Amino acid sequence: MDCAADAEQLRQLANFLQLLAKWNRAYSLTAITDPHDMVALHVLDSVAARDFLNGVSVLDAGSGAGLPGIPLAILDPARQFTLLDSGGKKIRFLRHVLAELALGNARTEEARVENYQPGLPFDTVICRAFTDLRGFVQRCAGLVAADGRLVAMKGRYPETELAAIPVGWRATAVEPVQVPGIDAQRHMVVLERA
């Protein structure tokens, strides 16, 4: 797992967690409230997806509190990230974070995934705790470029979900990942057109 960060990126990640903790008290953005737990369960867990991204444009579908999009945008400034969520409170939080951190490679979109119509499809569409693999493909396939990929962040090996992937798509990778500070299974599922 590549989580190398320079001093400015570490500052931005720390500021993100401070903002998340502050806003969480009023908006209930995450059930994780302990700052130490936030580092592992939010930042490091998000960063675990970095090696599975494809291309330059990335959509974080159902971004919620900006996970995994914000940590990835901080650590990968060469890519462009779109943080998509239908919740107005979450989008207000994300806009505040992007302004506070001066993250020029990320933007927000307030819409339901099935109603979102970007100008161009994305190289990667990623989700974390969004839906099962079948629903992910059904709702997000139209947002992915022809040679792009869907990346789903999962806990345990999703055997049942893998068996239900819609026709026309296939899992090209189901990789276990070790996340420092998390004593639980984590898997990255990469889906591409068959």
Foldseek 3Di string as FASTA:
>chain_A
DDDDDDPLLVVLVVVLLVLCLVVCVPVVQDPDNDSVCCCQVAQLLLVLCQVVAFDAEEEEAQCRQNPPNPSNLSRPVSHAYEYEHQDPSSQVSVVVSCVVSVRPRYDYDHDHLQPDDDPAAGQEYEYEPDDFQQVCCVRCVVRHDQNHKYKYKDFPQPVVSQVNHDAQKHWPDWAWDDTPPDPTTITITIMHGD
